[in-house]
N, C-alpha and C. Protein backbone atom coordinates (compact mmCIF):
# COMPACT_ATOMS: atom_id res chain seq x y z
N UNK A 1 -124.38 -54.84 6.19
CA UNK A 1 -125.11 -53.83 6.91
C UNK A 1 -124.63 -52.46 6.45
N UNK A 2 -125.56 -51.59 6.17
CA UNK A 2 -125.22 -50.26 5.67
C UNK A 2 -125.13 -49.27 6.83
N UNK A 3 -124.13 -48.41 6.79
CA UNK A 3 -123.94 -47.38 7.80
C UNK A 3 -124.58 -46.10 7.30
N UNK A 4 -125.64 -45.64 7.96
CA UNK A 4 -126.39 -44.47 7.51
C UNK A 4 -126.00 -43.20 8.26
N UNK A 5 -124.97 -43.26 9.11
CA UNK A 5 -124.58 -42.06 9.84
C UNK A 5 -123.97 -41.03 8.90
N UNK A 6 -124.19 -39.77 9.25
CA UNK A 6 -123.58 -38.68 8.50
C UNK A 6 -122.08 -38.73 8.72
N UNK A 7 -121.31 -38.71 7.66
CA UNK A 7 -119.86 -38.78 7.76
C UNK A 7 -119.27 -37.36 7.75
N UNK A 8 -118.16 -37.15 8.47
CA UNK A 8 -117.53 -35.84 8.45
C UNK A 8 -117.14 -35.44 7.03
N UNK A 9 -117.27 -34.18 6.75
CA UNK A 9 -116.91 -33.66 5.44
C UNK A 9 -115.41 -33.82 5.21
N UNK A 10 -115.06 -34.29 4.03
CA UNK A 10 -113.65 -34.42 3.70
C UNK A 10 -113.04 -33.07 3.35
N UNK A 11 -113.88 -32.05 3.25
CA UNK A 11 -113.41 -30.72 2.89
C UNK A 11 -113.22 -29.83 4.11
N UNK A 12 -113.25 -30.43 5.31
CA UNK A 12 -113.06 -29.61 6.51
C UNK A 12 -111.66 -29.03 6.51
N UNK A 13 -111.50 -27.94 7.22
CA UNK A 13 -110.23 -27.21 7.26
C UNK A 13 -109.59 -27.39 8.64
N UNK A 14 -108.69 -28.39 8.79
CA UNK A 14 -108.11 -28.65 10.11
C UNK A 14 -107.32 -27.47 10.68
N UNK A 15 -106.58 -26.76 9.84
CA UNK A 15 -105.83 -25.60 10.31
C UNK A 15 -106.67 -24.35 10.06
N UNK A 16 -107.55 -24.06 11.00
CA UNK A 16 -108.52 -22.98 10.83
C UNK A 16 -108.37 -21.98 11.98
N UNK A 17 -109.05 -20.85 11.91
CA UNK A 17 -108.92 -19.85 12.98
C UNK A 17 -109.30 -20.37 14.37
N UNK A 18 -110.29 -21.26 14.48
CA UNK A 18 -110.66 -21.81 15.78
C UNK A 18 -109.53 -22.67 16.33
N UNK A 19 -108.93 -23.50 15.49
CA UNK A 19 -107.82 -24.35 15.93
C UNK A 19 -106.63 -23.51 16.39
N UNK A 20 -106.29 -22.48 15.61
CA UNK A 20 -105.16 -21.62 15.98
C UNK A 20 -105.43 -20.88 17.29
N UNK A 21 -106.68 -20.41 17.44
CA UNK A 21 -107.08 -19.77 18.71
C UNK A 21 -106.94 -20.77 19.86
N UNK A 22 -107.46 -21.99 19.66
CA UNK A 22 -107.44 -23.01 20.71
C UNK A 22 -106.01 -23.32 21.15
N UNK A 23 -105.11 -23.47 20.20
CA UNK A 23 -103.71 -23.76 20.54
C UNK A 23 -103.09 -22.65 21.39
N UNK A 24 -103.32 -21.41 21.01
CA UNK A 24 -102.75 -20.28 21.75
C UNK A 24 -103.44 -20.10 23.10
N UNK A 25 -104.75 -20.17 23.12
CA UNK A 25 -105.52 -19.95 24.35
C UNK A 25 -105.24 -21.05 25.37
N UNK A 26 -105.09 -22.29 24.91
CA UNK A 26 -104.84 -23.43 25.80
C UNK A 26 -103.56 -23.24 26.60
N UNK A 27 -102.57 -22.56 26.00
CA UNK A 27 -101.28 -22.34 26.65
C UNK A 27 -101.32 -21.17 27.64
N UNK A 28 -102.38 -20.38 27.60
CA UNK A 28 -102.47 -19.20 28.47
C UNK A 28 -102.61 -19.67 29.92
N UNK A 29 -101.94 -19.01 30.85
CA UNK A 29 -101.96 -19.46 32.26
C UNK A 29 -103.37 -19.69 32.80
N UNK A 30 -103.56 -20.89 33.34
CA UNK A 30 -104.81 -21.25 34.01
C UNK A 30 -105.90 -21.79 33.11
N UNK A 31 -105.78 -21.63 31.80
CA UNK A 31 -106.85 -22.02 30.89
C UNK A 31 -106.98 -23.54 30.80
N UNK A 32 -105.87 -24.23 30.59
CA UNK A 32 -105.93 -25.69 30.47
C UNK A 32 -106.58 -26.31 31.71
N UNK A 33 -106.12 -25.94 32.89
CA UNK A 33 -106.65 -26.55 34.11
C UNK A 33 -108.13 -26.20 34.32
N UNK A 34 -108.52 -24.98 33.97
CA UNK A 34 -109.92 -24.58 34.12
C UNK A 34 -110.80 -25.35 33.15
N UNK A 35 -110.36 -25.46 31.90
CA UNK A 35 -111.14 -26.22 30.91
C UNK A 35 -111.25 -27.69 31.30
N UNK A 36 -110.15 -28.27 31.78
CA UNK A 36 -110.19 -29.68 32.18
C UNK A 36 -111.07 -29.88 33.41
N UNK A 37 -111.09 -28.92 34.32
CA UNK A 37 -111.98 -29.01 35.48
C UNK A 37 -113.45 -28.98 35.02
N UNK A 38 -113.75 -28.11 34.06
CA UNK A 38 -115.12 -28.06 33.52
C UNK A 38 -115.44 -29.35 32.77
N UNK A 39 -114.46 -29.89 32.04
CA UNK A 39 -114.66 -31.15 31.34
C UNK A 39 -115.00 -32.26 32.35
N UNK A 40 -114.35 -32.23 33.48
CA UNK A 40 -114.63 -33.19 34.54
C UNK A 40 -116.03 -33.06 35.10
N UNK A 41 -116.66 -31.93 34.86
CA UNK A 41 -118.04 -31.70 35.30
C UNK A 41 -119.04 -31.91 34.15
N UNK A 42 -118.55 -32.50 33.05
CA UNK A 42 -119.45 -32.83 31.95
C UNK A 42 -119.48 -31.85 30.80
N UNK A 43 -118.66 -30.81 30.86
CA UNK A 43 -118.61 -29.82 29.78
C UNK A 43 -117.79 -30.35 28.62
N UNK A 44 -118.07 -29.84 27.43
CA UNK A 44 -117.29 -30.14 26.24
C UNK A 44 -116.26 -29.03 26.05
N UNK A 45 -114.99 -29.40 26.01
CA UNK A 45 -113.95 -28.41 25.80
C UNK A 45 -114.10 -27.76 24.42
N UNK A 46 -114.54 -28.52 23.44
CA UNK A 46 -114.76 -27.96 22.11
C UNK A 46 -115.82 -26.85 22.16
N UNK A 47 -116.91 -27.09 22.88
CA UNK A 47 -117.94 -26.05 23.01
C UNK A 47 -117.40 -24.84 23.77
N UNK A 48 -116.60 -25.08 24.81
CA UNK A 48 -116.00 -23.98 25.56
C UNK A 48 -115.11 -23.14 24.64
N UNK A 49 -114.23 -23.82 23.89
CA UNK A 49 -113.31 -23.10 23.01
C UNK A 49 -114.06 -22.38 21.90
N UNK A 50 -115.10 -23.00 21.37
CA UNK A 50 -115.92 -22.34 20.34
C UNK A 50 -116.58 -21.08 20.89
N UNK A 51 -117.13 -21.18 22.11
CA UNK A 51 -117.78 -20.02 22.74
C UNK A 51 -116.76 -18.90 22.99
N UNK A 52 -115.56 -19.28 23.44
CA UNK A 52 -114.52 -18.28 23.69
C UNK A 52 -114.05 -17.63 22.39
N UNK A 53 -113.86 -18.44 21.36
CA UNK A 53 -113.43 -17.90 20.07
C UNK A 53 -114.46 -16.93 19.51
N UNK A 54 -115.74 -17.29 19.63
CA UNK A 54 -116.79 -16.38 19.15
C UNK A 54 -116.80 -15.08 19.97
N UNK A 55 -116.51 -15.18 21.26
CA UNK A 55 -116.42 -13.98 22.09
C UNK A 55 -115.34 -13.05 21.55
N UNK A 56 -114.16 -13.61 21.28
CA UNK A 56 -113.05 -12.82 20.73
C UNK A 56 -113.44 -12.22 19.39
N UNK A 57 -114.28 -12.94 18.63
CA UNK A 57 -114.73 -12.49 17.32
C UNK A 57 -115.91 -11.52 17.41
N UNK A 58 -116.39 -11.24 18.64
CA UNK A 58 -117.51 -10.32 18.83
C UNK A 58 -118.85 -10.91 18.43
N UNK A 59 -118.97 -12.23 18.48
CA UNK A 59 -120.22 -12.89 18.10
C UNK A 59 -120.82 -13.63 19.29
N UNK A 60 -122.11 -13.71 19.27
CA UNK A 60 -122.84 -14.41 20.32
C UNK A 60 -122.94 -15.89 19.96
N UNK A 61 -122.60 -16.74 20.91
CA UNK A 61 -122.70 -18.19 20.73
C UNK A 61 -124.11 -18.61 21.13
N UNK A 62 -124.81 -19.24 20.20
CA UNK A 62 -126.19 -19.62 20.48
C UNK A 62 -126.31 -21.06 20.96
N UNK A 63 -125.17 -21.74 21.09
CA UNK A 63 -125.16 -23.04 21.74
C UNK A 63 -125.49 -24.23 20.88
N UNK A 64 -125.84 -24.00 19.63
CA UNK A 64 -126.16 -25.16 18.80
C UNK A 64 -124.91 -25.62 18.06
N UNK A 65 -124.85 -26.93 17.83
CA UNK A 65 -123.77 -27.47 17.03
C UNK A 65 -124.34 -28.57 16.16
N UNK A 66 -123.63 -28.89 15.12
CA UNK A 66 -124.13 -29.90 14.18
C UNK A 66 -124.12 -31.28 14.82
N UNK A 67 -124.98 -32.14 14.30
CA UNK A 67 -125.00 -33.53 14.76
C UNK A 67 -123.66 -34.20 14.50
N UNK A 68 -122.98 -33.80 13.44
CA UNK A 68 -121.67 -34.38 13.12
C UNK A 68 -120.68 -34.15 14.26
N UNK A 69 -120.67 -32.93 14.80
CA UNK A 69 -119.75 -32.61 15.90
C UNK A 69 -120.13 -33.43 17.14
N UNK A 70 -121.40 -33.44 17.47
CA UNK A 70 -121.87 -34.17 18.65
C UNK A 70 -121.56 -35.66 18.53
N UNK A 71 -121.82 -36.24 17.36
CA UNK A 71 -121.56 -37.66 17.17
C UNK A 71 -120.06 -37.97 17.19
N UNK A 72 -119.26 -37.10 16.58
CA UNK A 72 -117.81 -37.31 16.59
C UNK A 72 -117.31 -37.31 18.04
N UNK A 73 -117.80 -36.35 18.83
CA UNK A 73 -117.38 -36.26 20.23
C UNK A 73 -117.77 -37.53 20.99
N UNK A 74 -118.99 -37.98 20.78
CA UNK A 74 -119.48 -39.15 21.51
C UNK A 74 -118.80 -40.44 21.09
N UNK A 75 -118.64 -40.62 19.78
CA UNK A 75 -118.18 -41.91 19.27
C UNK A 75 -116.67 -42.01 19.07
N UNK A 76 -115.99 -40.86 18.93
CA UNK A 76 -114.56 -40.93 18.66
C UNK A 76 -113.77 -40.29 19.81
N UNK A 77 -113.88 -38.98 19.97
CA UNK A 77 -113.09 -38.30 21.00
C UNK A 77 -113.39 -38.86 22.38
N UNK A 78 -114.65 -38.97 22.70
CA UNK A 78 -115.04 -39.47 24.02
C UNK A 78 -114.61 -40.91 24.25
N UNK A 79 -114.72 -41.73 23.22
CA UNK A 79 -114.31 -43.13 23.34
C UNK A 79 -112.80 -43.24 23.58
N UNK A 80 -112.02 -42.45 22.86
CA UNK A 80 -110.58 -42.47 23.07
C UNK A 80 -110.21 -41.96 24.47
N UNK A 81 -110.90 -40.90 24.91
CA UNK A 81 -110.63 -40.35 26.25
C UNK A 81 -110.96 -41.41 27.31
N UNK A 82 -112.10 -42.06 27.17
CA UNK A 82 -112.48 -43.10 28.13
C UNK A 82 -111.46 -44.23 28.17
N UNK A 83 -111.01 -44.65 26.99
CA UNK A 83 -110.02 -45.73 26.93
C UNK A 83 -108.72 -45.30 27.61
N UNK A 84 -108.26 -44.08 27.32
CA UNK A 84 -107.02 -43.59 27.94
C UNK A 84 -107.16 -43.51 29.45
N UNK A 85 -108.30 -42.98 29.92
CA UNK A 85 -108.49 -42.83 31.36
C UNK A 85 -108.63 -44.17 32.08
N UNK A 86 -109.05 -45.19 31.36
CA UNK A 86 -109.20 -46.52 31.95
C UNK A 86 -107.85 -47.18 32.19
N UNK A 87 -106.87 -46.84 31.37
CA UNK A 87 -105.55 -47.46 31.46
C UNK A 87 -104.76 -46.78 32.59
N UNK A 88 -104.26 -47.56 33.53
CA UNK A 88 -103.53 -46.97 34.66
C UNK A 88 -102.29 -46.20 34.20
N UNK A 89 -101.99 -45.13 34.91
CA UNK A 89 -100.77 -44.34 34.66
C UNK A 89 -99.57 -45.07 35.25
N UNK A 90 -98.41 -44.75 34.71
CA UNK A 90 -97.13 -45.24 35.24
C UNK A 90 -97.08 -46.75 35.39
N UNK A 91 -97.61 -47.43 34.39
CA UNK A 91 -97.52 -48.88 34.35
C UNK A 91 -96.69 -49.25 33.13
N UNK A 92 -95.49 -49.79 33.34
CA UNK A 92 -94.60 -50.09 32.21
C UNK A 92 -95.25 -50.99 31.16
N UNK A 93 -96.18 -51.81 31.58
CA UNK A 93 -96.83 -52.74 30.64
C UNK A 93 -97.80 -52.02 29.71
N UNK A 94 -98.34 -50.88 30.14
CA UNK A 94 -99.38 -50.20 29.34
C UNK A 94 -99.03 -48.76 28.97
N UNK A 95 -97.83 -48.29 29.37
CA UNK A 95 -97.46 -46.90 29.10
C UNK A 95 -97.48 -46.56 27.61
N UNK A 96 -96.94 -47.44 26.77
CA UNK A 96 -96.92 -47.16 25.33
C UNK A 96 -98.32 -47.08 24.75
N UNK A 97 -99.19 -47.97 25.17
CA UNK A 97 -100.58 -47.96 24.70
C UNK A 97 -101.29 -46.68 25.14
N UNK A 98 -101.10 -46.30 26.41
CA UNK A 98 -101.75 -45.08 26.92
C UNK A 98 -101.26 -43.85 26.16
N UNK A 99 -99.96 -43.79 25.90
CA UNK A 99 -99.39 -42.65 25.17
C UNK A 99 -99.91 -42.62 23.73
N UNK A 100 -100.04 -43.77 23.11
CA UNK A 100 -100.56 -43.84 21.75
C UNK A 100 -102.01 -43.38 21.69
N UNK A 101 -102.80 -43.80 22.65
CA UNK A 101 -104.20 -43.38 22.69
C UNK A 101 -104.28 -41.89 22.94
N UNK A 102 -103.43 -41.35 23.83
CA UNK A 102 -103.42 -39.91 24.10
C UNK A 102 -103.12 -39.12 22.83
N UNK A 103 -102.18 -39.61 22.04
CA UNK A 103 -101.84 -38.94 20.76
C UNK A 103 -103.05 -38.98 19.81
N UNK A 104 -103.71 -40.11 19.74
CA UNK A 104 -104.89 -40.23 18.88
C UNK A 104 -106.05 -39.39 19.40
N UNK A 105 -106.15 -39.27 20.71
CA UNK A 105 -107.19 -38.43 21.31
C UNK A 105 -106.99 -36.97 20.91
N UNK A 106 -105.74 -36.51 20.94
CA UNK A 106 -105.45 -35.14 20.51
C UNK A 106 -105.81 -34.93 19.05
N UNK A 107 -105.50 -35.89 18.20
CA UNK A 107 -105.87 -35.79 16.78
C UNK A 107 -107.39 -35.77 16.62
N UNK A 108 -108.09 -36.58 17.41
CA UNK A 108 -109.56 -36.58 17.36
C UNK A 108 -110.11 -35.23 17.80
N UNK A 109 -109.49 -34.61 18.79
CA UNK A 109 -109.91 -33.28 19.24
C UNK A 109 -109.66 -32.24 18.15
N UNK A 110 -108.54 -32.36 17.43
CA UNK A 110 -108.25 -31.43 16.34
C UNK A 110 -109.32 -31.55 15.26
N UNK A 111 -109.70 -32.78 14.93
CA UNK A 111 -110.75 -32.99 13.94
C UNK A 111 -112.09 -32.48 14.46
N UNK A 112 -112.36 -32.72 15.73
CA UNK A 112 -113.60 -32.21 16.34
C UNK A 112 -113.67 -30.69 16.26
N UNK A 113 -112.55 -30.03 16.52
CA UNK A 113 -112.51 -28.57 16.40
C UNK A 113 -112.69 -28.13 14.95
N UNK A 114 -112.15 -28.88 14.01
CA UNK A 114 -112.34 -28.56 12.59
C UNK A 114 -113.81 -28.70 12.21
N UNK A 115 -114.44 -29.76 12.69
CA UNK A 115 -115.88 -29.94 12.42
C UNK A 115 -116.69 -28.83 13.09
N UNK A 116 -116.29 -28.46 14.30
CA UNK A 116 -116.98 -27.39 15.01
C UNK A 116 -116.81 -26.06 14.28
N UNK A 117 -115.58 -25.79 13.82
CA UNK A 117 -115.35 -24.56 13.06
C UNK A 117 -116.23 -24.53 11.82
N UNK A 118 -116.28 -25.65 11.11
CA UNK A 118 -117.11 -25.74 9.90
C UNK A 118 -118.57 -25.46 10.25
N UNK A 119 -119.03 -26.02 11.35
CA UNK A 119 -120.41 -25.82 11.79
C UNK A 119 -120.66 -24.36 12.17
N UNK A 120 -119.73 -23.78 12.94
CA UNK A 120 -119.88 -22.38 13.36
C UNK A 120 -119.79 -21.43 12.18
N UNK A 121 -118.89 -21.70 11.25
CA UNK A 121 -118.71 -20.83 10.09
C UNK A 121 -119.91 -20.91 9.15
N UNK A 122 -120.55 -22.08 9.09
CA UNK A 122 -121.70 -22.25 8.19
C UNK A 122 -123.03 -21.83 8.80
N UNK A 123 -123.06 -21.65 10.10
CA UNK A 123 -124.32 -21.24 10.73
C UNK A 123 -124.29 -19.73 10.95
N UNK A 124 -125.43 -19.17 10.97
CA UNK A 124 -125.54 -17.72 11.15
C UNK A 124 -125.37 -17.42 12.64
N UNK A 125 -124.29 -16.77 13.00
CA UNK A 125 -124.06 -16.38 14.39
C UNK A 125 -124.58 -14.96 14.58
N UNK A 126 -125.13 -14.72 15.74
CA UNK A 126 -125.63 -13.39 16.05
C UNK A 126 -124.47 -12.47 16.40
N UNK A 127 -124.55 -11.24 15.91
CA UNK A 127 -123.58 -10.24 16.31
C UNK A 127 -123.84 -9.92 17.79
N UNK A 128 -122.79 -9.65 18.51
CA UNK A 128 -122.93 -9.39 19.93
C UNK A 128 -123.58 -8.04 20.20
N UNK A 129 -123.63 -7.20 19.20
CA UNK A 129 -124.24 -5.90 19.40
C UNK A 129 -123.47 -5.09 20.42
N UNK A 130 -124.17 -4.59 21.40
CA UNK A 130 -123.57 -3.70 22.38
C UNK A 130 -123.08 -4.43 23.63
N UNK A 131 -123.04 -5.75 23.61
CA UNK A 131 -122.55 -6.50 24.77
C UNK A 131 -121.12 -6.07 25.11
N UNK A 132 -120.87 -5.84 26.37
CA UNK A 132 -119.50 -5.63 26.79
C UNK A 132 -118.78 -6.97 26.74
N UNK A 133 -117.48 -6.95 26.60
CA UNK A 133 -116.70 -8.18 26.46
C UNK A 133 -116.94 -9.16 27.60
N UNK A 134 -116.95 -8.69 28.83
CA UNK A 134 -117.14 -9.60 29.97
C UNK A 134 -118.53 -10.23 29.94
N UNK A 135 -119.54 -9.43 29.65
CA UNK A 135 -120.90 -9.95 29.58
C UNK A 135 -121.03 -10.94 28.43
N UNK A 136 -120.44 -10.63 27.28
CA UNK A 136 -120.49 -11.53 26.12
C UNK A 136 -119.79 -12.85 26.44
N UNK A 137 -118.64 -12.77 27.08
CA UNK A 137 -117.90 -13.99 27.44
C UNK A 137 -118.76 -14.87 28.35
N UNK A 138 -119.36 -14.28 29.35
CA UNK A 138 -120.17 -15.05 30.29
C UNK A 138 -121.40 -15.63 29.60
N UNK A 139 -122.06 -14.83 28.76
CA UNK A 139 -123.24 -15.29 28.02
C UNK A 139 -122.87 -16.46 27.11
N UNK A 140 -121.76 -16.33 26.39
CA UNK A 140 -121.32 -17.39 25.49
C UNK A 140 -120.96 -18.66 26.24
N UNK A 141 -120.26 -18.52 27.37
CA UNK A 141 -119.89 -19.70 28.15
C UNK A 141 -121.13 -20.38 28.74
N UNK A 142 -122.09 -19.60 29.17
CA UNK A 142 -123.32 -20.19 29.70
C UNK A 142 -124.08 -20.92 28.60
N UNK A 143 -124.00 -20.43 27.35
CA UNK A 143 -124.64 -21.11 26.22
C UNK A 143 -123.95 -22.43 25.90
N UNK A 144 -122.67 -22.56 26.29
CA UNK A 144 -121.92 -23.80 26.06
C UNK A 144 -122.14 -24.82 27.18
N UNK A 145 -122.81 -24.41 28.22
CA UNK A 145 -122.98 -25.26 29.40
C UNK A 145 -123.88 -26.46 29.13
N UNK A 146 -123.55 -27.60 29.76
CA UNK A 146 -124.41 -28.77 29.62
C UNK A 146 -125.63 -28.70 30.54
N UNK A 147 -125.64 -27.74 31.45
CA UNK A 147 -126.77 -27.60 32.38
C UNK A 147 -127.13 -26.13 32.53
N UNK A 148 -128.34 -25.87 32.98
CA UNK A 148 -128.77 -24.49 33.15
C UNK A 148 -128.54 -24.01 34.57
N UNK A 149 -128.53 -24.92 35.54
CA UNK A 149 -128.27 -24.55 36.93
C UNK A 149 -126.86 -25.01 37.26
N UNK A 150 -126.06 -24.08 37.74
CA UNK A 150 -124.66 -24.39 38.01
C UNK A 150 -124.36 -24.24 39.50
N UNK A 151 -123.51 -25.13 40.00
CA UNK A 151 -123.10 -25.04 41.39
C UNK A 151 -122.06 -23.92 41.54
N UNK A 152 -121.71 -23.64 42.78
CA UNK A 152 -120.79 -22.54 43.05
C UNK A 152 -119.41 -22.78 42.42
N UNK A 153 -118.92 -24.00 42.48
CA UNK A 153 -117.61 -24.30 41.90
C UNK A 153 -117.61 -24.04 40.39
N UNK A 154 -118.67 -24.46 39.70
CA UNK A 154 -118.77 -24.21 38.26
C UNK A 154 -118.80 -22.71 37.98
N UNK A 155 -119.54 -21.96 38.78
CA UNK A 155 -119.58 -20.50 38.63
C UNK A 155 -118.21 -19.88 38.80
N UNK A 156 -117.43 -20.39 39.76
CA UNK A 156 -116.08 -19.88 39.98
C UNK A 156 -115.17 -20.23 38.80
N UNK A 157 -115.33 -21.43 38.25
CA UNK A 157 -114.54 -21.82 37.08
C UNK A 157 -114.88 -20.94 35.88
N UNK A 158 -116.17 -20.64 35.70
CA UNK A 158 -116.57 -19.76 34.59
C UNK A 158 -116.01 -18.35 34.78
N UNK A 159 -116.01 -17.88 36.00
CA UNK A 159 -115.44 -16.56 36.27
C UNK A 159 -113.95 -16.54 35.96
N UNK A 160 -113.25 -17.59 36.37
CA UNK A 160 -111.81 -17.68 36.08
C UNK A 160 -111.57 -17.76 34.58
N UNK A 161 -112.38 -18.53 33.88
CA UNK A 161 -112.23 -18.65 32.43
C UNK A 161 -112.52 -17.32 31.74
N UNK A 162 -113.53 -16.61 32.21
CA UNK A 162 -113.86 -15.30 31.65
C UNK A 162 -112.70 -14.33 31.85
N UNK A 163 -112.15 -14.29 33.06
CA UNK A 163 -111.00 -13.40 33.33
C UNK A 163 -109.82 -13.77 32.43
N UNK A 164 -109.56 -15.07 32.31
CA UNK A 164 -108.46 -15.52 31.46
C UNK A 164 -108.68 -15.14 30.00
N UNK A 165 -109.91 -15.30 29.52
CA UNK A 165 -110.22 -14.96 28.13
C UNK A 165 -110.03 -13.47 27.88
N UNK A 166 -110.50 -12.64 28.80
CA UNK A 166 -110.37 -11.19 28.62
C UNK A 166 -108.90 -10.76 28.67
N UNK A 167 -108.12 -11.37 29.57
CA UNK A 167 -106.69 -11.05 29.64
C UNK A 167 -105.98 -11.52 28.38
N UNK A 168 -106.33 -12.72 27.91
CA UNK A 168 -105.74 -13.25 26.68
C UNK A 168 -106.06 -12.32 25.51
N UNK A 169 -107.30 -11.89 25.41
CA UNK A 169 -107.71 -11.02 24.30
C UNK A 169 -106.99 -9.68 24.36
N UNK A 170 -106.83 -9.15 25.56
CA UNK A 170 -106.13 -7.87 25.71
C UNK A 170 -104.67 -8.00 25.29
N UNK A 171 -104.02 -9.09 25.68
CA UNK A 171 -102.62 -9.31 25.28
C UNK A 171 -102.50 -9.58 23.79
N UNK A 172 -103.46 -10.33 23.26
CA UNK A 172 -103.45 -10.68 21.84
C UNK A 172 -103.60 -9.44 20.98
N UNK A 173 -104.34 -8.45 21.47
CA UNK A 173 -104.56 -7.22 20.71
C UNK A 173 -103.50 -6.18 21.02
N UNK A 174 -102.56 -6.55 21.90
CA UNK A 174 -101.47 -5.64 22.21
C UNK A 174 -101.84 -4.49 23.09
N UNK A 175 -102.96 -4.65 23.84
CA UNK A 175 -103.35 -3.56 24.75
C UNK A 175 -103.00 -3.86 26.17
C-alpha cells in the first residue's frame, strides 16, 4: 500500500526564530497556564505561539497554515498527547511510559513549530500597518481561534495572554 500523504520537509529548521520565541515566551509568568487552558478549550498552542510571534514581528496573522502542520498536529502531536493523558499519573507501573511519551510529545511539538515556522516564513504575511500592539495581538489571537464565538472565560484568557505578550515584548526590547 502506498502512502500518498505529504511528508514534512527534511530541510525544516528546528532551531528557528519561532522556536526560540516559544521557549522564552512559554517561561514568562502566566503564559504556560493560559496557553494550556486555551488548549483545553480546543485551541492549538502552535497557532497561538505563531500568532504571538507574528505580533512581536509586527505582522498580521491571517490564520492559515499548511496541511503539513495540521496533519502533523492531528496524527503525531495530538496522538502522543492523547496517549499521555490516557495514562494515569503517579502510577509506578506506568510512570516511565508516561514520561517517555511526554518527552516524545515535546519533540513532536518542536517539529510542529518548525513546520509552522516554515509555513509562516513561506507564506506572504500582511504587515500590521498602523495597528497598535494591543489591537494587533488581539486580532492575531482571534485569527488563531478554533471558533468565531467565544465564551467569557475564553475572552478573559485572551486578554490575559495579550497582556502577557505585551509585557514580554516590552521586557524583551528593554523598555
